[in-house]
């Protein structure tokens, strides 16, 4: 399980709600959480701000979720 998914679930957000807040599709966010796709840079920054963590806690340097 990625840190992004762990935090999302701990905060009680469903996948669709987070996808909406990050302005990405549910399907793409699901693939990001499974490590199959990178999240766009702007959405990575927005996710870090939303969860009040450093971007590096959620994503590796290549943009994939940790």
N, C-alpha and C. Protein backbone atom coordinates (compact mmCIF):
# COMPACT_ATOMS: atom_id res chain seq x y z
N UNK A 1 0.85 -1.17 0.00
CA UNK A 1 0.00 0.00 0.00
C UNK A 1 0.90 1.24 0.00
N UNK A 2 0.56 2.19 -0.86
CA UNK A 2 1.36 3.41 -0.91
C UNK A 2 1.01 4.33 0.25
N UNK A 3 1.92 5.23 0.54
CA UNK A 3 1.70 6.21 1.61
C UNK A 3 0.52 7.11 1.26
N UNK A 4 0.37 7.43 0.00
CA UNK A 4 -0.76 8.25 -0.45
C UNK A 4 -2.08 7.58 -0.08
N UNK A 5 -2.21 6.32 -0.38
CA UNK A 5 -3.45 5.59 -0.07
C UNK A 5 -3.64 5.46 1.44
N UNK A 6 -2.56 5.16 2.15
CA UNK A 6 -2.66 5.00 3.59
C UNK A 6 -3.18 6.28 4.24
N UNK A 7 -2.61 7.41 3.86
CA UNK A 7 -3.04 8.68 4.43
C UNK A 7 -4.46 9.01 4.00
N UNK A 8 -4.77 8.78 2.73
CA UNK A 8 -6.13 9.05 2.25
C UNK A 8 -7.16 8.29 3.07
N UNK A 9 -6.91 7.01 3.27
CA UNK A 9 -7.85 6.19 4.03
C UNK A 9 -7.89 6.60 5.50
N UNK A 10 -6.74 6.95 6.06
CA UNK A 10 -6.70 7.38 7.46
C UNK A 10 -7.49 8.66 7.67
N UNK A 11 -7.54 9.51 6.65
CA UNK A 11 -8.29 10.76 6.73
C UNK A 11 -9.76 10.59 6.36
N UNK A 12 -10.13 9.37 5.99
CA UNK A 12 -11.53 9.09 5.68
C UNK A 12 -11.99 9.58 4.32
N UNK A 13 -11.05 9.80 3.41
CA UNK A 13 -11.42 10.25 2.06
C UNK A 13 -11.56 9.05 1.14
N UNK A 14 -12.61 9.04 0.35
CA UNK A 14 -12.73 7.99 -0.67
C UNK A 14 -11.88 8.41 -1.87
N UNK A 15 -11.59 7.46 -2.72
CA UNK A 15 -10.76 7.70 -3.89
C UNK A 15 -11.37 8.80 -4.76
N UNK A 16 -12.67 8.75 -4.98
CA UNK A 16 -13.34 9.73 -5.85
C UNK A 16 -13.22 11.14 -5.29
N UNK A 17 -13.31 11.30 -3.97
CA UNK A 17 -13.21 12.63 -3.36
C UNK A 17 -11.81 13.20 -3.53
N UNK A 18 -10.80 12.38 -3.29
CA UNK A 18 -9.44 12.87 -3.46
C UNK A 18 -9.17 13.18 -4.93
N UNK A 19 -9.63 12.34 -5.82
CA UNK A 19 -9.45 12.58 -7.26
C UNK A 19 -10.07 13.92 -7.64
N UNK A 20 -11.26 14.19 -7.14
CA UNK A 20 -11.93 15.46 -7.41
C UNK A 20 -11.10 16.63 -6.91
N UNK A 21 -10.60 16.52 -5.70
CA UNK A 21 -9.80 17.61 -5.10
C UNK A 21 -8.49 17.84 -5.84
N UNK A 22 -7.96 16.77 -6.44
CA UNK A 22 -6.70 16.89 -7.17
C UNK A 22 -6.90 17.15 -8.66
N UNK A 23 -8.17 17.16 -9.08
CA UNK A 23 -8.53 17.40 -10.48
C UNK A 23 -7.94 16.34 -11.42
N UNK A 24 -8.05 15.07 -10.98
CA UNK A 24 -7.66 13.93 -11.82
C UNK A 24 -8.82 12.93 -11.80
N UNK A 25 -8.81 11.99 -12.72
CA UNK A 25 -9.88 11.00 -12.74
C UNK A 25 -9.67 9.95 -11.66
N UNK A 26 -10.76 9.31 -11.25
CA UNK A 26 -10.67 8.24 -10.25
C UNK A 26 -9.75 7.12 -10.75
N UNK A 27 -9.92 6.78 -12.03
CA UNK A 27 -9.12 5.70 -12.60
C UNK A 27 -7.64 5.99 -12.57
N UNK A 28 -7.27 7.23 -12.91
CA UNK A 28 -5.86 7.60 -12.88
C UNK A 28 -5.32 7.60 -11.45
N UNK A 29 -6.10 8.11 -10.51
CA UNK A 29 -5.64 8.12 -9.12
C UNK A 29 -5.48 6.69 -8.60
N UNK A 30 -6.38 5.82 -8.98
CA UNK A 30 -6.26 4.42 -8.58
C UNK A 30 -4.96 3.82 -9.09
N UNK A 31 -4.61 4.12 -10.33
CA UNK A 31 -3.36 3.62 -10.90
C UNK A 31 -2.15 4.23 -10.20
N UNK A 32 -2.25 5.48 -9.81
CA UNK A 32 -1.17 6.14 -9.06
C UNK A 32 -0.98 5.42 -7.73
N UNK A 33 -2.08 5.16 -7.03
CA UNK A 33 -1.99 4.50 -5.72
C UNK A 33 -1.45 3.07 -5.82
N UNK A 34 -1.58 2.45 -6.98
CA UNK A 34 -1.03 1.10 -7.18
C UNK A 34 0.37 1.12 -7.78
N UNK A 35 0.90 2.33 -8.02
CA UNK A 35 2.25 2.45 -8.54
C UNK A 35 2.37 2.24 -10.03
N UNK A 36 1.27 2.32 -10.76
CA UNK A 36 1.27 2.07 -12.20
C UNK A 36 1.41 3.35 -13.02
N UNK A 37 1.18 4.49 -12.39
CA UNK A 37 1.19 5.76 -13.11
C UNK A 37 1.69 6.86 -12.20
N UNK A 38 2.27 7.89 -12.81
CA UNK A 38 2.72 9.07 -12.06
C UNK A 38 1.56 10.05 -11.95
N UNK A 39 1.53 10.77 -10.86
CA UNK A 39 0.57 11.86 -10.68
C UNK A 39 1.22 13.13 -11.24
N UNK A 40 0.48 13.95 -11.98
CA UNK A 40 1.07 15.19 -12.49
C UNK A 40 1.66 16.04 -11.35
N UNK A 41 2.68 16.81 -11.67
CA UNK A 41 3.40 17.58 -10.66
C UNK A 41 2.49 18.48 -9.83
N UNK A 42 1.58 19.18 -10.48
CA UNK A 42 0.68 20.07 -9.75
C UNK A 42 -0.21 19.32 -8.77
N UNK A 43 -0.65 18.14 -9.18
CA UNK A 43 -1.50 17.31 -8.31
C UNK A 43 -0.69 16.75 -7.15
N UNK A 44 0.59 16.44 -7.38
CA UNK A 44 1.45 15.96 -6.29
C UNK A 44 1.60 17.04 -5.23
N UNK A 45 1.83 18.26 -5.66
CA UNK A 45 1.96 19.38 -4.71
C UNK A 45 0.66 19.60 -3.96
N UNK A 46 -0.44 19.53 -4.67
CA UNK A 46 -1.75 19.74 -4.05
C UNK A 46 -2.04 18.65 -3.02
N UNK A 47 -1.69 17.40 -3.32
CA UNK A 47 -1.90 16.30 -2.38
C UNK A 47 -1.08 16.52 -1.12
N UNK A 48 0.16 16.93 -1.27
CA UNK A 48 1.01 17.17 -0.11
C UNK A 48 0.44 18.29 0.75
N UNK A 49 -0.04 19.35 0.13
CA UNK A 49 -0.65 20.45 0.87
C UNK A 49 -1.92 20.00 1.58
N UNK A 50 -2.75 19.24 0.88
CA UNK A 50 -4.01 18.76 1.44
C UNK A 50 -3.77 17.91 2.70
N UNK A 51 -2.75 17.06 2.64
CA UNK A 51 -2.46 16.16 3.76
C UNK A 51 -1.45 16.76 4.75
N UNK A 52 -0.98 17.97 4.47
CA UNK A 52 -0.03 18.67 5.33
C UNK A 52 1.23 17.84 5.59
N UNK A 53 1.80 17.33 4.50
CA UNK A 53 3.05 16.57 4.55
C UNK A 53 3.96 17.08 3.44
N UNK A 54 5.22 16.71 3.52
CA UNK A 54 6.16 17.04 2.44
C UNK A 54 5.86 16.16 1.24
N UNK A 55 6.03 16.72 0.06
CA UNK A 55 5.79 15.96 -1.16
C UNK A 55 6.65 14.69 -1.20
N UNK A 56 7.86 14.77 -0.67
CA UNK A 56 8.77 13.62 -0.67
C UNK A 56 8.27 12.48 0.20
N UNK A 57 7.37 12.74 1.13
CA UNK A 57 6.79 11.67 1.95
C UNK A 57 5.83 10.82 1.13
N UNK A 58 5.24 11.41 0.11
CA UNK A 58 4.23 10.72 -0.70
C UNK A 58 4.77 10.18 -2.02
N UNK A 59 5.76 10.89 -2.59
CA UNK A 59 6.20 10.57 -3.95
C UNK A 59 7.72 10.49 -4.04
N UNK A 60 8.20 9.56 -4.87
CA UNK A 60 9.63 9.45 -5.11
C UNK A 60 10.04 10.54 -6.10
N UNK A 61 11.33 10.67 -6.33
CA UNK A 61 11.84 11.71 -7.23
C UNK A 61 11.32 11.55 -8.65
N UNK A 62 11.03 10.32 -9.06
CA UNK A 62 10.53 10.09 -10.42
C UNK A 62 9.02 10.32 -10.55
N UNK A 63 8.35 10.70 -9.46
CA UNK A 63 6.94 11.05 -9.51
C UNK A 63 5.96 9.95 -9.14
N UNK A 64 6.47 8.75 -8.88
CA UNK A 64 5.60 7.64 -8.49
C UNK A 64 5.30 7.69 -7.00
N UNK A 65 4.13 7.24 -6.61
CA UNK A 65 3.77 7.19 -5.21
C UNK A 65 4.64 6.19 -4.49
N UNK A 66 5.04 6.54 -3.26
CA UNK A 66 5.85 5.64 -2.43
C UNK A 66 4.97 4.63 -1.75
